[in-house]
N, C-alpha and C. Protein backbone atom coordinates (compact mmCIF):
# COMPACT_ATOMS: atom_id res chain seq x y z
N MET A 1 0.96 -1.22 0.01
CA MET A 1 0.21 -0.04 -0.19
C MET A 1 0.90 1.50 -0.09
N LYS A 2 1.75 1.01 0.89
CA LYS A 2 2.80 2.57 0.98
C LYS A 2 3.44 2.62 -0.02
N GLU A 3 4.04 1.76 -1.04
CA GLU A 3 4.70 1.93 -2.34
C GLU A 3 3.95 2.19 -3.34
N ARG A 4 2.69 1.72 -3.18
CA ARG A 4 1.21 2.38 -4.29
C ARG A 4 1.13 3.87 -4.25
N GLU A 5 1.47 3.97 -3.07
CA GLU A 5 0.74 5.82 -2.89
C GLU A 5 2.43 6.35 -3.27
N ASP A 6 3.35 5.85 -2.62
CA ASP A 6 4.60 6.56 -3.12
C ASP A 6 4.45 6.58 -4.78
N ILE A 7 4.25 5.53 -5.40
CA ILE A 7 4.51 5.79 -6.76
C ILE A 7 3.46 6.69 -7.36
N GLU A 8 2.07 6.55 -7.04
CA GLU A 8 1.04 7.83 -7.10
C GLU A 8 1.74 9.14 -7.10
N ARG A 9 2.07 9.08 -5.68
CA ARG A 9 2.82 10.42 -5.51
C ARG A 9 3.71 11.11 -6.82
N LYS A 10 4.56 10.85 -6.66
CA LYS A 10 5.86 10.84 -7.74
C LYS A 10 5.61 11.01 -9.02
N GLU A 11 4.27 10.21 -9.80
CA GLU A 11 3.60 10.36 -11.06
C GLU A 11 2.91 11.68 -10.93
N LYS A 12 2.50 11.72 -9.80
CA LYS A 12 1.57 13.26 -9.88
C LYS A 12 2.77 14.98 -9.61
N VAL A 13 3.54 14.57 -9.07
CA VAL A 13 4.67 15.63 -9.22
C VAL A 13 4.99 16.08 -10.33
N ALA A 14 5.46 14.43 -10.68
CA ALA A 14 5.52 14.74 -12.58
C ALA A 14 5.15 15.31 -13.08
N ARG A 15 3.67 14.93 -13.08
CA ARG A 15 2.98 15.35 -14.15
C ARG A 15 3.06 17.04 -14.11
N LEU A 16 2.51 17.03 -12.75
CA LEU A 16 2.80 18.63 -11.84
C LEU A 16 3.67 19.46 -12.44
N ALA A 17 4.71 18.97 -12.29
CA ALA A 17 5.74 20.02 -12.59
C ALA A 17 5.85 19.69 -14.66
N GLN A 18 5.60 19.10 -15.36
CA GLN A 18 5.45 18.95 -16.38
C GLN A 18 4.37 20.18 -17.04
N GLN A 19 3.08 20.26 -16.23
CA GLN A 19 2.62 21.58 -16.17
C GLN A 19 3.06 22.82 -16.13
N ASN A 20 3.76 23.33 -15.06
CA ASN A 20 4.22 23.83 -14.22
C ASN A 20 5.67 24.45 -15.47
N LEU A 21 6.05 23.42 -16.82
CA LEU A 21 7.12 23.84 -17.10
C LEU A 21 6.26 24.86 -18.64
N LEU A 22 5.20 23.92 -18.97
CA LEU A 22 4.16 24.28 -20.19
C LEU A 22 3.95 25.38 -20.00
N LEU A 23 3.37 25.73 -18.69
CA LEU A 23 2.90 27.51 -18.37
C LEU A 23 3.90 28.36 -17.90
N ALA A 24 4.85 27.91 -17.72
CA ALA A 24 6.00 28.91 -17.18
C ALA A 24 6.78 29.48 -18.55
N SER A 25 6.73 31.09 -18.09
CA SER A 25 7.69 31.68 -19.48
C SER A 25 8.38 32.85 -18.81
N LEU A 26 9.27 33.17 -19.32
CA LEU A 26 10.20 34.18 -19.07
C LEU A 26 9.29 35.96 -19.19
N PRO A 27 10.19 36.79 -18.41
CA PRO A 27 9.80 38.02 -18.48
C PRO A 27 9.90 38.70 -19.45
N PRO A 28 8.92 39.38 -20.13
CA PRO A 28 8.79 40.30 -21.43
C PRO A 28 10.68 40.28 -22.26
N ARG A 29 11.01 41.20 -21.30
CA ARG A 29 12.66 41.77 -21.30
C ARG A 29 13.38 40.55 -21.90
N MET A 30 13.47 39.60 -21.13
CA MET A 30 14.21 37.96 -21.24
C MET A 30 13.59 37.61 -22.29
N ALA A 31 12.45 37.29 -22.38
CA ALA A 31 11.90 36.56 -23.67
C ALA A 31 12.58 36.99 -24.91
N LYS A 32 12.02 38.43 -24.90
CA LYS A 32 12.72 39.49 -26.53
C LYS A 32 14.11 38.91 -26.52
N HIS A 33 15.24 39.30 -25.72
CA HIS A 33 16.04 39.14 -25.65
C HIS A 33 16.67 37.34 -26.70
N GLU A 34 16.11 36.50 -25.69
CA GLU A 34 16.25 35.40 -26.31
C GLU A 34 16.40 35.08 -27.91
N LYS A 35 14.95 35.60 -28.25
CA LYS A 35 14.36 35.66 -29.76
C LYS A 35 15.06 36.88 -30.18
N GLU A 36 16.04 37.63 -30.00
CA GLU A 36 16.75 38.49 -30.74
C GLU A 36 18.26 37.34 -30.61
N LYS A 37 18.61 37.05 -29.77
CA LYS A 37 19.82 35.82 -29.89
C LYS A 37 19.62 35.26 -30.65
N LYS A 38 18.66 34.53 -30.99
CA LYS A 38 18.32 32.94 -32.13
C LYS A 38 18.10 33.76 -33.02
N GLU A 39 17.75 34.90 -33.65
CA GLU A 39 17.74 35.48 -34.69
C GLU A 39 19.28 36.09 -35.20
N GLN A 40 19.84 36.38 -34.50
CA GLN A 40 20.99 36.68 -34.56
C GLN A 40 22.03 35.79 -34.60
N GLU A 41 22.08 34.18 -34.34
CA GLU A 41 22.95 33.19 -34.68
C GLU A 41 22.44 32.89 -36.01
N LEU A 42 20.99 32.92 -36.18
CA LEU A 42 20.48 32.36 -38.03
C LEU A 42 21.33 33.68 -38.75
N ARG A 43 21.71 34.98 -38.76
CA ARG A 43 22.16 35.43 -39.48
C ARG A 43 23.20 34.97 -39.34
N ASN A 44 23.70 34.88 -38.35
CA ASN A 44 25.39 34.58 -38.49
C ASN A 44 26.39 33.37 -39.26
N GLN A 45 25.03 32.33 -38.98
CA GLN A 45 24.91 31.30 -40.08
C GLN A 45 25.17 31.58 -41.67
N ILE A 46 23.70 32.10 -41.51
CA ILE A 46 23.77 32.55 -43.30
C ILE A 46 25.14 33.60 -43.27
N ASN A 47 25.54 34.06 -43.00
CA ASN A 47 26.50 34.90 -43.21
C ASN A 47 27.83 34.41 -43.55
N GLU A 48 27.73 33.14 -42.83
CA GLU A 48 29.37 31.80 -42.76
C GLU A 48 29.00 31.38 -44.25
N ARG A 49 27.63 30.90 -44.40
CA ARG A 49 27.41 29.91 -45.52
C ARG A 49 27.89 31.24 -46.97
N ASN A 50 27.68 32.17 -46.67
CA ASN A 50 27.54 32.96 -48.09
C ASN A 50 29.58 33.55 -48.15
N MET A 51 29.53 33.60 -47.09
CA MET A 51 31.07 33.53 -47.05
C MET A 51 32.10 32.50 -47.52
N GLU A 52 31.88 31.53 -47.09
CA GLU A 52 32.36 30.06 -47.80
C GLU A 52 32.26 30.05 -49.04
N LYS A 53 30.66 30.57 -49.34
CA LYS A 53 30.49 30.46 -50.86
C LYS A 53 31.70 31.45 -51.72
N GLN A 54 31.30 32.62 -51.25
CA GLN A 54 32.53 33.59 -52.08
C GLN A 54 34.05 33.42 -51.96
N LYS A 55 34.69 32.51 -50.69
CA LYS A 55 35.95 31.88 -50.71
C LYS A 55 35.83 31.25 -52.25
N ASP A 56 34.97 30.26 -52.20
CA ASP A 56 35.27 28.80 -53.24
C ASP A 56 35.44 29.77 -54.25
N LYS A 57 35.19 30.90 -54.48
CA LYS A 57 35.01 31.60 -56.26
C LYS A 57 36.31 32.02 -56.19
N LYS A 58 36.84 32.81 -55.16
CA LYS A 58 38.04 33.07 -55.36
C LYS A 58 39.15 32.18 -55.61
N THR A 59 40.23 32.98 -56.33
CA THR A 59 41.47 31.95 -56.50
C THR A 59 42.44 33.30 -56.38
N PHE A 60 43.48 32.81 -56.20
CA PHE A 60 44.52 33.22 -55.45
C PHE A 60 45.34 33.75 -56.72
N VAL A 61 45.72 34.90 -56.37
CA VAL A 61 46.69 35.62 -57.54
C VAL A 61 47.74 36.38 -57.07
N ALA A 62 48.45 35.89 -57.50
CA ALA A 62 50.15 36.56 -56.61
C ALA A 62 50.43 38.28 -57.67
N ASN A 63 50.82 39.15 -57.10
CA ASN A 63 51.41 39.77 -57.48
C ASN A 63 52.99 39.97 -58.05
N GLU A 64 53.59 40.57 -58.82
CA GLU A 64 54.91 40.75 -59.40
C GLU A 64 55.45 41.00 -58.08
N VAL A 65 56.87 40.66 -58.09
CA VAL A 65 57.76 40.55 -57.40
C VAL A 65 58.18 42.37 -57.67
N PRO A 66 58.41 43.30 -56.82
CA PRO A 66 58.99 44.16 -56.90
C PRO A 66 60.34 44.68 -57.36
N ASN A 67 60.75 45.52 -57.98
CA ASN A 67 62.29 45.32 -58.48
C ASN A 67 62.96 46.73 -57.04
N PHE A 68 63.24 45.95 -55.98
CA PHE A 68 63.53 46.36 -55.15
C PHE A 68 65.21 47.19 -55.46
N GLU A 69 65.74 47.05 -56.16
CA GLU A 69 67.33 47.63 -56.48
C GLU A 69 66.73 48.51 -57.34
N ARG A 70 65.68 49.04 -58.05
CA ARG A 70 65.42 50.62 -58.94
C ARG A 70 64.57 51.21 -57.72
N LEU A 71 63.83 50.58 -56.80
CA LEU A 71 63.13 51.16 -55.75
C LEU A 71 64.00 51.95 -54.95
N HIS A 72 65.16 51.49 -54.24
CA HIS A 72 65.85 52.13 -53.30
C HIS A 72 66.69 52.74 -54.54
N ARG A 73 67.03 52.61 -55.44
CA ARG A 73 67.80 53.74 -56.11
C ARG A 73 66.86 55.14 -56.25
N GLN A 74 65.64 54.81 -56.60
CA GLN A 74 65.13 55.89 -56.87
C GLN A 74 64.57 56.63 -55.35
N PHE A 75 64.28 55.78 -54.66
CA PHE A 75 64.72 56.93 -53.38
C PHE A 75 65.33 57.63 -52.58
N GLN A 76 66.71 56.90 -52.67
CA GLN A 76 68.07 57.29 -52.44
C GLN A 76 68.01 58.63 -53.35
N GLU A 77 68.05 58.69 -54.56
CA GLU A 77 68.23 59.50 -55.46
C GLU A 77 67.58 60.82 -55.25
N LEU A 78 65.74 60.48 -54.33
CA LEU A 78 64.95 61.69 -53.85
C LEU A 78 65.65 62.12 -52.43
N LEU A 79 66.10 61.60 -51.85
CA LEU A 79 67.02 62.25 -50.61
C LEU A 79 68.01 62.91 -51.12
N ASP A 80 68.46 62.20 -51.99
CA ASP A 80 70.12 63.17 -52.40
C ASP A 80 69.83 64.72 -53.12
N ARG A 81 68.32 64.76 -53.73
CA ARG A 81 67.74 65.73 -54.32
C ARG A 81 67.40 66.74 -52.80
N LYS A 82 66.82 66.48 -51.95
CA LYS A 82 66.03 67.11 -51.29
C LYS A 82 67.34 67.62 -50.08
N ARG A 83 68.32 66.56 -50.10
CA ARG A 83 69.18 67.10 -48.98
C ARG A 83 70.29 68.19 -50.02
N SER A 84 70.39 68.64 -51.33
CA SER A 84 71.17 69.22 -51.90
C SER A 84 70.20 70.60 -51.77
N ASN A 85 69.02 70.82 -52.06
CA ASN A 85 68.43 72.09 -51.91
C ASN A 85 68.52 72.56 -50.54
N LYS A 86 68.93 72.02 -49.42
CA LYS A 86 68.39 72.06 -48.20
C LYS A 86 69.77 73.02 -47.87
N ARG A 87 69.44 74.53 -46.65
CA ARG A 87 70.75 74.99 -46.83
C ARG A 87 71.28 74.40 -44.93
N PRO A 88 72.51 74.20 -44.76
CA PRO A 88 72.50 73.67 -43.35
C PRO A 88 72.77 74.85 -42.52
N THR A 89 72.47 74.64 -41.06
CA THR A 89 72.30 75.51 -40.26
C THR A 89 74.06 75.82 -39.68
N GLU A 90 73.74 77.69 -40.01
CA GLU A 90 75.00 78.01 -39.38
C GLU A 90 75.39 78.76 -38.21
N ALA A 91 76.39 77.94 -37.74
CA ALA A 91 76.87 78.39 -35.80
C ALA A 91 77.11 80.16 -35.88
N LYS A 92 76.93 80.62 -35.05
CA LYS A 92 77.24 81.80 -35.14
C LYS A 92 78.02 81.69 -33.58
N PRO A 93 79.14 82.08 -33.37
CA PRO A 93 79.78 82.58 -32.49
C PRO A 93 79.06 83.42 -31.26
N PHE A 94 79.13 82.98 -29.54
CA PHE A 94 78.60 83.81 -28.79
C PHE A 94 79.38 84.24 -27.86
N ASN A 95 79.29 85.22 -27.01
CA ASN A 95 80.11 85.88 -26.27
C ASN A 95 79.57 86.01 -24.79
N PHE A 96 79.74 85.47 -23.70
CA PHE A 96 79.16 85.85 -22.72
C PHE A 96 79.34 86.98 -21.83
N GLN A 97 80.29 88.32 -22.31
CA GLN A 97 80.74 89.11 -21.85
C GLN A 97 79.95 90.24 -22.70
N GLU A 98 79.38 89.95 -23.39
CA GLU A 98 78.60 91.01 -23.89
C GLU A 98 77.29 91.54 -23.10
N SER A 99 76.84 92.71 -23.23
CA SER A 99 75.24 92.76 -22.49
C SER A 99 74.66 93.59 -23.52
N LYS A 100 73.36 93.18 -23.32
CA LYS A 100 71.94 93.24 -24.71
C LYS A 100 71.94 94.92 -24.23
N VAL A 101 72.31 96.25 -23.29
CA VAL A 101 72.13 97.23 -23.20
C VAL A 101 71.87 97.98 -24.17
N LYS A 102 71.31 99.30 -24.79
CA LYS A 102 71.69 99.44 -25.65
C LYS A 102 71.86 101.14 -25.49
């Protein structure tokens, strides 16, 4: 008799738990957040699929190797031209003994 009551009680508790779970819901703000989160995950999945398709279409094309000797020579010539146009600073002698009184 006792075992039968325990079994019935456990079944009743399980049934009530199922009913409460079905009736339970999140507060409106949390439910909205969950919905937005799921939508964002779907968008991310779609974007990832699109990116994979685009990657498949692209083929790698290597650029030409630059002529570093020519580029270095051009850069050095440019620096030399700019340096030749600059007038160097001329140091003027100074004297601690002079006063600036007019």
